[in-house]
């Protein structure tokens, strides 16, 4: 098995672009710096959202990753429900009250005949 490497120039934006009609996944731009700095300066945002989410189906499908791991605070019931609906399953308890969850491309292939779970 060959190790996956980040493509030169970064991750590709999915085609067609991921959008819900109001929000569009796109590359970062210099104009985003002030908004990102303000958001990540909020300790609650930084604690609960260490990595941007909302791309599970694309990453396990078009991007070709074998698995994604999410970490969620054990007391964040809403995020745990979102991860469950997106097809993540418990992997391990982590330090400081966090839970590691995993979604795999094999899980997605096994669910091909079932109704979609919704992407994260």
N, C-alpha and C. Protein backbone atom coordinates (compact mmCIF):
# COMPACT_ATOMS: atom_id res chain seq x y z
N UNK A 1 0.84 -1.17 0.00
CA UNK A 1 0.00 0.00 0.00
C UNK A 1 0.88 1.24 0.00
N UNK A 2 0.61 2.17 -0.86
CA UNK A 2 1.37 3.41 -0.95
C UNK A 2 0.79 4.44 -0.01
N UNK A 3 1.64 5.16 0.69
CA UNK A 3 1.18 6.20 1.61
C UNK A 3 0.60 7.36 0.82
N UNK A 4 -0.49 7.89 1.33
CA UNK A 4 -1.12 9.06 0.70
C UNK A 4 -0.30 10.29 1.03
N UNK A 5 -0.09 11.15 0.07
CA UNK A 5 0.64 12.39 0.29
C UNK A 5 -0.21 13.56 -0.17
N UNK A 6 -0.06 14.67 0.54
CA UNK A 6 -0.74 15.90 0.17
C UNK A 6 -0.28 16.32 -1.21
N UNK A 7 -1.19 16.57 -2.15
CA UNK A 7 -0.77 16.99 -3.50
C UNK A 7 -0.04 18.33 -3.45
N UNK A 8 0.93 18.49 -4.37
CA UNK A 8 1.65 19.75 -4.48
C UNK A 8 0.63 20.86 -4.72
N UNK A 9 0.71 21.92 -3.97
CA UNK A 9 -0.24 23.02 -4.12
C UNK A 9 -1.45 22.89 -3.21
N UNK A 10 -1.53 21.82 -2.41
CA UNK A 10 -2.63 21.68 -1.47
C UNK A 10 -3.71 20.74 -1.96
N UNK A 11 -4.77 20.65 -1.18
CA UNK A 11 -5.89 19.77 -1.53
C UNK A 11 -6.72 20.38 -2.65
N UNK A 12 -7.20 19.57 -3.56
CA UNK A 12 -8.05 20.10 -4.63
C UNK A 12 -9.43 20.45 -4.08
N UNK A 13 -10.03 21.48 -4.63
CA UNK A 13 -11.42 21.81 -4.31
C UNK A 13 -12.28 20.84 -5.11
N UNK A 14 -13.32 20.28 -4.49
CA UNK A 14 -14.13 19.28 -5.20
C UNK A 14 -14.85 19.87 -6.41
N UNK A 15 -15.06 19.03 -7.41
CA UNK A 15 -15.79 19.41 -8.61
C UNK A 15 -16.99 18.49 -8.74
N UNK A 16 -18.20 18.98 -8.76
CA UNK A 16 -18.56 20.39 -8.62
C UNK A 16 -18.31 20.86 -7.20
N UNK A 17 -18.20 22.18 -7.00
CA UNK A 17 -17.93 22.70 -5.67
C UNK A 17 -19.00 22.28 -4.67
N UNK A 18 -18.58 22.06 -3.41
CA UNK A 18 -19.54 21.75 -2.35
C UNK A 18 -20.23 23.03 -1.93
N UNK A 19 -21.55 23.06 -2.04
CA UNK A 19 -22.31 24.24 -1.66
C UNK A 19 -23.71 23.82 -1.25
N UNK A 20 -24.30 24.61 -0.38
CA UNK A 20 -25.70 24.40 -0.03
C UNK A 20 -26.56 25.53 -0.60
N UNK A 21 -25.99 26.30 -1.50
CA UNK A 21 -26.67 27.43 -2.10
C UNK A 21 -26.33 28.75 -1.42
N UNK A 22 -25.84 28.69 -0.19
CA UNK A 22 -25.46 29.89 0.53
C UNK A 22 -24.02 29.86 0.99
N UNK A 23 -23.52 28.66 1.30
CA UNK A 23 -22.15 28.49 1.75
C UNK A 23 -21.40 27.70 0.68
N UNK A 24 -20.20 28.14 0.34
CA UNK A 24 -19.41 27.52 -0.71
C UNK A 24 -18.04 27.15 -0.18
N UNK A 25 -17.61 25.90 -0.36
CA UNK A 25 -16.26 25.50 -0.01
C UNK A 25 -15.32 26.03 -1.09
N UNK A 26 -14.31 26.77 -0.65
CA UNK A 26 -13.34 27.35 -1.58
C UNK A 26 -11.99 27.43 -0.89
N UNK A 27 -10.95 27.74 -1.66
CA UNK A 27 -9.62 27.93 -1.10
C UNK A 27 -9.62 29.18 -0.22
N UNK A 28 -8.74 29.19 0.80
CA UNK A 28 -8.57 30.38 1.62
C UNK A 28 -8.03 31.51 0.74
N UNK A 29 -8.34 32.73 1.13
CA UNK A 29 -7.76 33.89 0.45
C UNK A 29 -7.24 34.85 1.51
N UNK A 30 -6.43 35.80 1.08
CA UNK A 30 -5.86 36.78 2.02
C UNK A 30 -6.97 37.56 2.73
N UNK A 31 -8.08 37.75 2.08
CA UNK A 31 -9.19 38.47 2.68
C UNK A 31 -9.85 37.74 3.84
N UNK A 32 -9.55 36.45 3.99
CA UNK A 32 -10.12 35.66 5.09
C UNK A 32 -9.35 35.81 6.40
N UNK A 33 -8.16 36.38 6.36
CA UNK A 33 -7.27 36.38 7.52
C UNK A 33 -7.89 37.03 8.75
N UNK A 34 -8.49 38.20 8.62
CA UNK A 34 -9.05 38.89 9.79
C UNK A 34 -10.20 38.10 10.41
N UNK A 35 -11.08 37.54 9.58
CA UNK A 35 -12.20 36.76 10.10
C UNK A 35 -11.72 35.49 10.78
N UNK A 36 -10.75 34.81 10.17
CA UNK A 36 -10.22 33.59 10.78
C UNK A 36 -9.52 33.88 12.09
N UNK A 37 -8.76 34.95 12.13
CA UNK A 37 -8.07 35.31 13.36
C UNK A 37 -9.06 35.60 14.48
N UNK A 38 -10.13 36.31 14.17
CA UNK A 38 -11.14 36.61 15.18
C UNK A 38 -11.84 35.34 15.65
N UNK A 39 -12.18 34.46 14.73
CA UNK A 39 -12.87 33.22 15.10
C UNK A 39 -11.97 32.34 15.96
N UNK A 40 -10.73 32.13 15.54
CA UNK A 40 -9.85 31.23 16.29
C UNK A 40 -9.34 31.86 17.57
N UNK A 41 -9.56 33.15 17.78
CA UNK A 41 -9.21 33.78 19.05
C UNK A 41 -10.26 33.50 20.12
N UNK A 42 -11.43 33.08 19.70
CA UNK A 42 -12.48 32.71 20.65
C UNK A 42 -12.13 31.35 21.25
N UNK A 43 -11.88 31.27 22.56
CA UNK A 43 -11.42 30.00 23.14
C UNK A 43 -12.42 28.86 22.98
N UNK A 44 -13.70 29.17 22.96
CA UNK A 44 -14.71 28.10 22.82
C UNK A 44 -14.69 27.53 21.40
N UNK A 45 -14.51 28.37 20.41
CA UNK A 45 -14.40 27.88 19.02
C UNK A 45 -13.15 27.02 18.88
N UNK A 46 -12.02 27.51 19.37
CA UNK A 46 -10.77 26.76 19.25
C UNK A 46 -10.86 25.42 19.99
N UNK A 47 -11.54 25.40 21.13
CA UNK A 47 -11.66 24.17 21.91
C UNK A 47 -12.56 23.15 21.22
N UNK A 48 -13.66 23.60 20.65
CA UNK A 48 -14.65 22.67 20.09
C UNK A 48 -14.42 22.36 18.61
N UNK A 49 -13.70 23.21 17.92
CA UNK A 49 -13.49 23.01 16.48
C UNK A 49 -12.02 23.08 16.12
N UNK A 50 -11.20 22.11 16.56
CA UNK A 50 -9.77 22.20 16.27
C UNK A 50 -9.43 22.07 14.79
N UNK A 51 -10.28 21.48 14.01
CA UNK A 51 -10.07 21.34 12.57
C UNK A 51 -11.41 21.56 11.88
N UNK A 52 -11.47 22.39 10.82
CA UNK A 52 -12.74 22.56 10.11
C UNK A 52 -13.28 21.22 9.61
N UNK A 53 -14.65 21.07 9.72
CA UNK A 53 -15.25 19.82 9.28
C UNK A 53 -16.23 20.05 8.12
N UNK A 54 -17.15 19.41 7.96
CA UNK A 54 -18.20 19.46 6.94
C UNK A 54 -17.76 18.94 5.58
N UNK A 55 -16.78 17.91 5.34
CA UNK A 55 -16.27 17.43 4.06
C UNK A 55 -16.07 15.91 4.04
N UNK A 56 -16.66 15.11 4.93
CA UNK A 56 -16.43 13.66 5.07
C UNK A 56 -16.67 12.91 3.76
N UNK A 57 -17.82 13.12 3.15
CA UNK A 57 -18.15 12.37 1.93
C UNK A 57 -17.13 12.65 0.82
N UNK A 58 -16.76 13.92 0.65
CA UNK A 58 -15.80 14.29 -0.39
C UNK A 58 -14.43 13.67 -0.11
N UNK A 59 -13.96 13.76 1.17
CA UNK A 59 -12.64 13.26 1.51
C UNK A 59 -12.53 11.75 1.35
N UNK A 60 -13.59 11.03 1.73
CA UNK A 60 -13.56 9.57 1.62
C UNK A 60 -13.91 9.09 0.21
N UNK A 61 -14.50 9.96 -0.58
CA UNK A 61 -14.87 9.61 -1.95
C UNK A 61 -13.87 10.15 -2.95
N UNK A 62 -14.14 11.35 -3.43
CA UNK A 62 -13.33 11.95 -4.49
C UNK A 62 -11.86 12.10 -4.12
N UNK A 63 -11.58 12.52 -2.89
CA UNK A 63 -10.18 12.72 -2.48
C UNK A 63 -9.45 11.39 -2.30
N UNK A 64 -10.19 10.34 -1.97
CA UNK A 64 -9.60 9.01 -1.89
C UNK A 64 -8.95 8.65 -0.57
N UNK A 65 -9.25 9.38 0.50
CA UNK A 65 -8.68 9.01 1.80
C UNK A 65 -9.33 7.72 2.30
N UNK A 66 -8.59 6.93 3.06
CA UNK A 66 -9.12 5.68 3.60
C UNK A 66 -9.90 5.87 4.87
N UNK A 67 -9.58 6.90 5.66
CA UNK A 67 -10.26 7.12 6.93
C UNK A 67 -10.09 8.57 7.37
N UNK A 68 -11.05 9.04 8.15
CA UNK A 68 -10.97 10.35 8.80
C UNK A 68 -11.22 10.14 10.28
N UNK A 69 -10.48 10.86 11.10
CA UNK A 69 -10.65 10.79 12.55
C UNK A 69 -11.09 12.16 13.04
N UNK A 70 -12.11 12.17 13.87
CA UNK A 70 -12.60 13.40 14.50
C UNK A 70 -12.43 13.28 16.00
N UNK A 71 -12.11 14.39 16.64
CA UNK A 71 -12.07 14.42 18.10
C UNK A 71 -13.14 15.39 18.57
N UNK A 72 -13.95 14.92 19.52
CA UNK A 72 -15.07 15.71 20.03
C UNK A 72 -15.03 15.66 21.55
N UNK A 73 -15.33 16.78 22.19
CA UNK A 73 -15.44 16.78 23.64
C UNK A 73 -16.58 15.85 24.05
N UNK A 74 -16.33 15.04 25.04
CA UNK A 74 -17.32 14.07 25.52
C UNK A 74 -18.62 14.76 25.94
N UNK A 75 -18.54 16.03 26.42
CA UNK A 75 -19.73 16.74 26.87
C UNK A 75 -20.44 17.51 25.75
N UNK A 76 -19.96 17.40 24.53
CA UNK A 76 -20.56 18.11 23.39
C UNK A 76 -21.53 17.17 22.67
N UNK A 77 -22.71 16.99 23.27
CA UNK A 77 -23.70 16.03 22.75
C UNK A 77 -24.12 16.35 21.32
N UNK A 78 -24.27 17.62 20.99
CA UNK A 78 -24.70 17.99 19.64
C UNK A 78 -23.68 17.55 18.59
N UNK A 79 -22.39 17.79 18.85
CA UNK A 79 -21.35 17.38 17.90
C UNK A 79 -21.24 15.87 17.81
N UNK A 80 -21.43 15.18 18.92
CA UNK A 80 -21.42 13.71 18.89
C UNK A 80 -22.56 13.18 18.02
N UNK A 81 -23.74 13.82 18.10
CA UNK A 81 -24.87 13.40 17.26
C UNK A 81 -24.58 13.67 15.78
N UNK A 82 -23.98 14.83 15.48
CA UNK A 82 -23.63 15.14 14.09
C UNK A 82 -22.65 14.12 13.55
N UNK A 83 -21.63 13.79 14.32
CA UNK A 83 -20.64 12.80 13.89
C UNK A 83 -21.30 11.44 13.67
N UNK A 84 -22.20 11.05 14.56
CA UNK A 84 -22.90 9.78 14.40
C UNK A 84 -23.72 9.76 13.11
N UNK A 85 -24.46 10.84 12.85
CA UNK A 85 -25.27 10.92 11.62
C UNK A 85 -24.41 10.93 10.37
N UNK A 86 -23.16 11.43 10.50
CA UNK A 86 -22.25 11.48 9.36
C UNK A 86 -21.50 10.17 9.16
N UNK A 87 -21.79 9.17 10.02
CA UNK A 87 -21.19 7.86 9.83
C UNK A 87 -19.94 7.59 10.64
N UNK A 88 -19.60 8.47 11.58
CA UNK A 88 -18.44 8.24 12.43
C UNK A 88 -18.82 7.27 13.55
N UNK A 89 -17.85 6.45 13.95
CA UNK A 89 -18.07 5.51 15.05
C UNK A 89 -16.95 5.69 16.06
N UNK A 90 -17.22 5.36 17.35
CA UNK A 90 -16.20 5.55 18.38
C UNK A 90 -14.93 4.77 18.07
N UNK A 91 -13.80 5.40 18.34
CA UNK A 91 -12.50 4.78 18.13
C UNK A 91 -11.76 4.64 19.45
N UNK A 92 -11.68 5.73 20.24
CA UNK A 92 -10.94 5.69 21.51
C UNK A 92 -11.27 6.90 22.34
N UNK A 93 -11.13 6.75 23.66
CA UNK A 93 -11.19 7.90 24.56
C UNK A 93 -9.84 8.60 24.50
N UNK A 94 -9.88 9.91 24.47
CA UNK A 94 -8.66 10.71 24.38
C UNK A 94 -8.47 11.48 25.68
N UNK A 95 -7.29 12.04 25.87
CA UNK A 95 -7.04 12.84 27.07
C UNK A 95 -7.97 14.06 27.14
N UNK A 96 -8.11 14.58 28.33
CA UNK A 96 -8.84 15.82 28.56
C UNK A 96 -10.31 15.74 28.15
N UNK A 97 -10.93 14.57 28.29
CA UNK A 97 -12.36 14.46 28.06
C UNK A 97 -12.80 14.46 26.62
N UNK A 98 -11.93 14.09 25.71
CA UNK A 98 -12.28 14.05 24.28
C UNK A 98 -12.48 12.61 23.84
N UNK A 99 -13.26 12.44 22.79
CA UNK A 99 -13.53 11.12 22.21
C UNK A 99 -13.05 11.16 20.76
N UNK A 100 -12.30 10.15 20.35
CA UNK A 100 -11.88 10.02 18.94
C UNK A 100 -12.92 9.15 18.23
N UNK A 101 -13.33 9.61 17.05
CA UNK A 101 -14.29 8.89 16.23
C UNK A 101 -13.69 8.69 14.84
N UNK A 102 -14.10 7.65 14.13
CA UNK A 102 -13.54 7.38 12.82
C UNK A 102 -14.64 7.11 11.80
N UNK A 103 -14.43 7.58 10.60
CA UNK A 103 -15.26 7.24 9.44
C UNK A 103 -14.30 6.71 8.38
N UNK A 104 -14.64 5.59 7.75
CA UNK A 104 -13.74 4.99 6.76
C UNK A 104 -14.43 4.83 5.42
N UNK A 105 -13.60 4.77 4.38
CA UNK A 105 -14.15 4.53 3.05
C UNK A 105 -14.78 3.14 2.97
N UNK A 106 -14.24 2.17 3.72
CA UNK A 106 -14.83 0.82 3.74
C UNK A 106 -16.23 0.86 4.34
N UNK A 107 -16.43 1.68 5.39
CA UNK A 107 -17.77 1.84 5.97
C UNK A 107 -18.71 2.42 4.93
N UNK A 108 -18.23 3.37 4.14
CA UNK A 108 -19.07 4.00 3.11
C UNK A 108 -19.47 2.98 2.04
N UNK A 109 -18.49 2.13 1.63
CA UNK A 109 -18.81 1.13 0.61
C UNK A 109 -19.84 0.13 1.14
N UNK A 110 -19.73 -0.23 2.43
CA UNK A 110 -20.67 -1.16 3.04
C UNK A 110 -22.06 -0.58 3.18
N UNK A 111 -22.15 0.76 3.20
CA UNK A 111 -23.44 1.43 3.35
C UNK A 111 -24.05 1.80 2.02
N UNK A 112 -23.44 1.36 0.92
CA UNK A 112 -23.89 1.76 -0.42
C UNK A 112 -25.36 1.44 -0.66
N UNK A 113 -25.86 0.37 -0.11
CA UNK A 113 -27.25 -0.01 -0.34
C UNK A 113 -28.23 0.63 0.63
N UNK A 114 -27.72 1.37 1.62
CA UNK A 114 -28.58 2.00 2.62
C UNK A 114 -28.79 3.47 2.27
N UNK A 115 -29.75 4.07 2.94
CA UNK A 115 -30.02 5.50 2.74
C UNK A 115 -28.82 6.31 3.18
N UNK A 116 -28.54 7.46 2.54
CA UNK A 116 -27.39 8.28 2.92
C UNK A 116 -27.54 8.76 4.36
N UNK A 117 -26.38 8.89 5.04
CA UNK A 117 -26.37 9.34 6.41
C UNK A 117 -26.22 10.86 6.50
N UNK A 118 -25.84 11.49 5.44
CA UNK A 118 -25.55 12.92 5.47
C UNK A 118 -24.07 13.13 5.71
N UNK A 119 -23.48 14.09 5.07
CA UNK A 119 -22.05 14.30 5.21
C UNK A 119 -21.72 15.25 6.34
N UNK A 120 -20.53 15.14 6.82
CA UNK A 120 -20.03 16.05 7.85
C UNK A 120 -19.02 16.96 7.22
